Amino acid sequence: MKKILKKSMLIFLLLIVTTGCGIKANPVSIKQPANDYRMLIKNMEAVSSDDAVILKWNFQDVALVIDFIRIEKSEVGSAGNECKDCPRTFENIFEIPVKGTIMDSRVLNPISYKDKEVVKGKTYNYRLILCDEEGVCQEVSKAEVNYE
């Protein structure tokens, strides 16, 4: 009985020593945008055209903090997106630089993007992600289109 108890204690001590206390590193703060960037994008829409889906929106960065706009796409029915109401998996399809371009201004800029990687009869979801100069990104707008 004592041998079993000693072996059990030894195993227990080994488990404690090898697993540690659970602290693996110092805590790291998660960067949160100081501002809500959703108001920088207005009137986003996705429109089906002859050979592409055209995304259109208005962009105004009054504070001049946005570094680039990322466009992401999800196809309903593709792997990870089987049902229409399920959470989506998106892929990055394009990035539009803002700093140092014509969009780096205080006026409302109409922007469009043409996605030719589409198939007739499929439904696509698009979203815009704004990333600031500190590398903090925030989803700001979504649009869905059934490409006909």
C-alpha atoms as a PDB file:
ATOM      1  CA  MET A   1       0.000   0.000   0.000  1.00  0.00           C
ATOM      2  CA  LYS A   2       2.875   2.373   0.834  1.00  0.00           C
ATOM      3  CA  LYS A   3       4.536   1.616  -2.540  1.00  0.00           C
ATOM      4  CA  ILE A   4       1.353   2.503  -4.406  1.00  0.00           C
ATOM      5  CA  LEU A   5       0.979   5.701  -2.392  1.00  0.00           C
ATOM      6  CA  LYS A   6       4.624   6.675  -3.068  1.00  0.00           C
ATOM      7  CA  LYS A   7       4.233   5.986  -6.807  1.00  0.00           C
ATOM      8  CA  SER A   8       1.017   7.997  -6.896  1.00  0.00           C
ATOM      9  CA  MET A   9       2.700  10.915  -5.112  1.00  0.00           C
ATOM     10  CA  LEU A  10       5.673  10.731  -7.467  1.00  0.00           C
ATOM     11  CA  ILE A  11       3.413  10.795 -10.538  1.00  0.00           C
ATOM     12  CA  PHE A  12       1.420  13.674  -9.063  1.00  0.00           C
ATOM     13  CA  LEU A  13       4.603  15.680  -8.394  1.00  0.00           C
ATOM     14  CA  LEU A  14       5.898  14.994 -11.906  1.00  0.00           C
ATOM     15  CA  LEU A  15       2.642  16.259 -13.366  1.00  0.00           C
ATOM     16  CA  ILE A  16       2.832  19.458 -11.342  1.00  0.00           C
ATOM     17  CA  VAL A  17       6.481  20.091 -12.226  1.00  0.00           C
ATOM     18  CA  THR A  18       6.057  19.391 -15.957  1.00  0.00           C
ATOM     19  CA  THR A  19       2.817  21.328 -16.463  1.00  0.00           C
ATOM     20  CA  GLY A  20       3.818  24.355 -14.407  1.00  0.00           C
ATOM     21  CA  CYS A  21       1.455  26.891 -12.967  1.00  0.00           C
ATOM     22  CA  GLY A  22      -0.186  27.848 -16.247  1.00  0.00           C
ATOM     23  CA  ILE A  23       1.555  31.206 -16.701  1.00  0.00           C
ATOM     24  CA  LYS A  24       3.478  31.010 -19.969  1.00  0.00           C
ATOM     25  CA  ALA A  25       4.321  34.649 -20.596  1.00  0.00           C
ATOM     26  CA  ASN A  26       3.593  38.159 -19.471  1.00  0.00           C
ATOM     27  CA  PRO A  27       0.121  39.402 -20.404  1.00  0.00           C
ATOM     28  CA  VAL A  28      -0.069  41.341 -23.666  1.00  0.00           C
ATOM     29  CA  SER A  29      -2.669  44.011 -24.228  1.00  0.00           C
ATOM     30  CA  ILE A  30      -4.840  43.654 -27.304  1.00  0.00           C
ATOM     31  CA  LYS A  31      -4.724  46.731 -29.502  1.00  0.00           C
ATOM     32  CA  GLN A  32      -8.130  48.294 -29.876  1.00  0.00           C
ATOM     33  CA  PRO A  33      -8.809  51.159 -32.260  1.00  0.00           C
ATOM     34  CA  ALA A  34      -9.060  54.445 -30.433  1.00  0.00           C
ATOM     35  CA  ASN A  35     -11.953  55.431 -32.696  1.00  0.00           C
ATOM     36  CA  ASP A  36     -14.847  53.695 -34.361  1.00  0.00           C
ATOM     37  CA  TYR A  37     -13.939  53.630 -38.066  1.00  0.00           C
ATOM     38  CA  ARG A  38     -17.380  52.513 -39.290  1.00  0.00           C
ATOM     39  CA  MET A  39     -18.395  56.099 -40.006  1.00  0.00           C
ATOM     40  CA  LEU A  40     -15.558  56.490 -42.536  1.00  0.00           C
ATOM     41  CA  ILE A  41     -17.333  54.226 -45.058  1.00  0.00           C
ATOM     42  CA  LYS A  42     -20.711  55.261 -46.439  1.00  0.00           C
ATOM     43  CA  ASN A  43     -23.114  53.728 -48.973  1.00  0.00           C
ATOM     44  CA  MET A  44     -21.262  50.454 -49.626  1.00  0.00           C
ATOM     45  CA  GLU A  45     -22.933  48.276 -52.235  1.00  0.00           C
ATOM     46  CA  ALA A  46     -22.106  45.248 -54.380  1.00  0.00           C
ATOM     47  CA  VAL A  47     -23.579  45.254 -57.895  1.00  0.00           C
ATOM     48  CA  SER A  48     -23.653  42.428 -60.419  1.00  0.00           C
ATOM     49  CA  SER A  49     -22.382  43.464 -63.888  1.00  0.00           C
ATOM     50  CA  ASP A  50     -21.715  41.527 -67.096  1.00  0.00           C
ATOM     51  CA  ASP A  51     -18.314  40.070 -66.207  1.00  0.00           C
ATOM     52  CA  ALA A  52     -17.752  41.033 -62.558  1.00  0.00           C
ATOM     53  CA  VAL A  53     -19.099  42.164 -59.231  1.00  0.00           C
ATOM     54  CA  ILE A  54     -18.512  45.871 -58.690  1.00  0.00           C
ATOM     55  CA  LEU A  55     -18.087  47.139 -55.133  1.00  0.00           C
ATOM     56  CA  LYS A  56     -18.753  50.839 -54.559  1.00  0.00           C
ATOM     57  CA  TRP A  57     -18.532  52.993 -51.464  1.00  0.00           C
ATOM     58  CA  ASN A  58     -17.696  56.481 -50.257  1.00  0.00           C
ATOM     59  CA  PHE A  59     -14.659  56.973 -48.027  1.00  0.00           C
ATOM     60  CA  GLN A  60     -13.788  59.962 -45.866  1.00  0.00           C
ATOM     61  CA  ASP A  61     -10.855  59.948 -43.472  1.00  0.00           C
ATOM     62  CA  VAL A  62     -11.037  63.377 -41.846  1.00  0.00           C
ATOM     63  CA  ALA A  63      -8.487  62.479 -39.152  1.00  0.00           C
ATOM     64  CA  LEU A  64      -6.089  61.020 -41.768  1.00  0.00           C
ATOM     65  CA  VAL A  65      -5.407  57.876 -39.718  1.00  0.00           C
ATOM     66  CA  ILE A  66      -6.225  55.054 -42.157  1.00  0.00           C
ATOM     67  CA  ASP A  67      -3.226  53.391 -43.795  1.00  0.00           C
ATOM     68  CA  PHE A  68      -5.040  50.968 -46.127  1.00  0.00           C
ATOM     69  CA  ILE A  69      -8.413  49.409 -46.934  1.00  0.00           C
ATOM     70  CA  ARG A  70      -8.549  45.618 -47.152  1.00  0.00           C
ATOM     71  CA  ILE A  71     -11.263  43.990 -49.278  1.00  0.00           C
ATOM     72  CA  GLU A  72     -12.274  40.475 -48.230  1.00  0.00           C
ATOM     73  CA  LYS A  73     -14.622  38.027 -49.949  1.00  0.00           C
ATOM     74  CA  SER A  74     -16.619  34.954 -48.978  1.00  0.00           C
ATOM     75  CA  GLU A  75     -18.552  32.635 -51.293  1.00  0.00           C
ATOM     76  CA  VAL A  76     -21.754  31.093 -49.927  1.00  0.00           C
ATOM     77  CA  GLY A  77     -21.607  27.313 -50.385  1.00  0.00           C
ATOM     78  CA  SER A  78     -17.806  27.060 -50.436  1.00  0.00           C
ATOM     79  CA  ALA A  79     -15.862  25.139 -47.786  1.00  0.00           C
ATOM     80  CA  GLY A  80     -16.553  26.706 -44.396  1.00  0.00           C
ATOM     81  CA  ASN A  81     -19.497  28.675 -45.821  1.00  0.00           C
ATOM     82  CA  GLU A  82     -21.988  25.900 -46.485  1.00  0.00           C
ATOM     83  CA  CYS A  83     -25.149  27.569 -45.228  1.00  0.00           C
ATOM     84  CA  LYS A  84     -26.393  31.076 -45.905  1.00  0.00           C
ATOM     85  CA  ASP A  85     -26.776  32.036 -42.227  1.00  0.00           C
ATOM     86  CA  CYS A  86     -23.597  30.350 -40.906  1.00  0.00           C
ATOM     87  CA  PRO A  87     -20.602  32.437 -39.836  1.00  0.00           C
ATOM     88  CA  ARG A  88     -18.420  33.267 -42.832  1.00  0.00           C
ATOM     89  CA  THR A  89     -14.787  32.628 -43.601  1.00  0.00           C
ATOM     90  CA  PHE A  90     -13.315  35.453 -45.665  1.00  0.00           C
ATOM     91  CA  GLU A  91     -10.206  35.694 -47.806  1.00  0.00           C
ATOM     92  CA  ASN A  92      -8.254  38.834 -48.572  1.00  0.00           C
ATOM     93  CA  ILE A  93      -8.652  39.700 -52.264  1.00  0.00           C
ATOM     94  CA  PHE A  94      -7.198  43.223 -52.458  1.00  0.00           C
ATOM     95  CA  GLU A  95      -5.673  46.064 -50.436  1.00  0.00           C
ATOM     96  CA  ILE A  96      -6.034  49.716 -51.349  1.00  0.00           C
ATOM     97  CA  PRO A  97      -3.314  52.020 -49.980  1.00  0.00           C
ATOM     98  CA  VAL A  98      -4.647  55.246 -48.519  1.00  0.00           C
ATOM     99  CA  LYS A  99      -1.654  57.093 -47.063  1.00  0.00           C
ATOM    100  CA  GLY A 100       0.072  59.281 -49.624  1.00  0.00           C
ATOM    101  CA  THR A 101      -2.617  58.767 -52.293  1.00  0.00           C
ATOM    102  CA  ILE A 102      -5.450  60.881 -53.619  1.00  0.00           C
ATOM    103  CA  MET A 103      -7.701  59.304 -50.967  1.00  0.00           C
ATOM    104  CA  ASP A 104      -5.515  60.753 -48.223  1.00  0.00           C
ATOM    105  CA  SER A 105      -7.697  63.838 -47.985  1.00  0.00           C
ATOM    106  CA  ARG A 106     -10.527  65.400 -46.084  1.00  0.00           C
ATOM    107  CA  VAL A 107     -13.056  65.126 -48.923  1.00  0.00           C
ATOM    108  CA  LEU A 108     -15.517  62.306 -49.552  1.00  0.00           C
ATOM    109  CA  ASN A 109     -13.950  59.975 -52.103  1.00  0.00           C
ATOM    110  CA  PRO A 110     -16.026  57.551 -54.189  1.00  0.00           C
ATOM    111  CA  ILE A 111     -14.158  54.247 -54.521  1.00  0.00           C
ATOM    112  CA  SER A 112     -14.932  51.174 -56.582  1.00  0.00           C
ATOM    113  CA  TYR A 113     -13.361  47.756 -57.015  1.00  0.00           C
ATOM    114  CA  LYS A 114     -14.145  45.228 -59.757  1.00  0.00           C
ATOM    115  CA  ASP A 115     -13.994  41.540 -58.766  1.00  0.00           C
ATOM    116  CA  LYS A 116     -13.752  39.400 -61.907  1.00  0.00           C
ATOM    117  CA  GLU A 117     -13.171  36.181 -59.961  1.00  0.00           C
ATOM    118  CA  VAL A 118     -16.892  35.337 -59.797  1.00  0.00           C
ATOM    119  CA  VAL A 119     -19.168  32.607 -61.172  1.00  0.00           C
ATOM    120  CA  LYS A 120     -22.743  33.106 -62.393  1.00  0.00           C
ATOM    121  CA  GLY A 121     -25.378  31.869 -59.929  1.00  0.00           C
ATOM    122  CA  LYS A 122     -23.133  32.154 -56.838  1.00  0.00           C
ATOM    123  CA  THR A 123     -23.713  34.416 -53.854  1.00  0.00           C
ATOM    124  CA  TYR A 124     -20.780  36.444 -52.534  1.00  0.00           C
ATOM    125  CA  ASN A 125     -20.262  38.403 -49.337  1.00  0.00           C
ATOM    126  CA  TYR A 126     -17.745  41.237 -49.226  1.00  0.00           C
ATOM    127  CA  ARG A 127     -16.429  43.209 -46.298  1.00  0.00           C
ATOM    128  CA  LEU A 128     -14.142  46.195 -45.898  1.00  0.00           C
ATOM    129  CA  ILE A 129     -11.477  46.291 -43.213  1.00  0.00           C
ATOM    130  CA  LEU A 130      -9.846  49.622 -42.361  1.00  0.00           C
ATOM    131  CA  CYS A 131      -6.322  49.448 -40.938  1.00  0.00           C
ATOM    132  CA  ASP A 132      -4.743  52.443 -39.244  1.00  0.00           C
ATOM    133  CA  GLU A 133      -1.116  53.541 -39.099  1.00  0.00           C
ATOM    134  CA  GLU A 134      -0.535  51.511 -35.913  1.00  0.00           C
ATOM    135  CA  GLY A 135      -1.623  48.271 -37.599  1.00  0.00           C
ATOM    136  CA  VAL A 136      -4.980  48.105 -35.828  1.00  0.00           C
ATOM    137  CA  CYS A 137      -7.685  46.848 -38.207  1.00  0.00           C
ATOM    138  CA  GLN A 138     -11.456  47.049 -37.884  1.00  0.00           C
ATOM    139  CA  GLU A 139     -14.291  45.589 -39.980  1.00  0.00           C
ATOM    140  CA  VAL A 140     -16.429  48.512 -41.058  1.00  0.00           C
ATOM    141  CA  SER A 141     -18.888  47.490 -43.771  1.00  0.00           C
ATOM    142  CA  LYS A 142     -20.418  44.452 -45.505  1.00  0.00           C
ATOM    143  CA  ALA A 143     -22.335  43.783 -48.698  1.00  0.00           C
ATOM    144  CA  GLU A 144     -23.851  40.687 -50.326  1.00  0.00           C
ATOM    145  CA  VAL A 145     -24.621  40.030 -53.981  1.00  0.00           C
ATOM    146  CA  ASN A 146     -26.071  37.160 -55.960  1.00  0.00           C
ATOM    147  CA  TYR A 147     -24.019  37.213 -59.164  1.00  0.00           C
ATOM    148  CA  GLU A 148     -26.440  36.727 -62.068  1.00  0.00           C
END
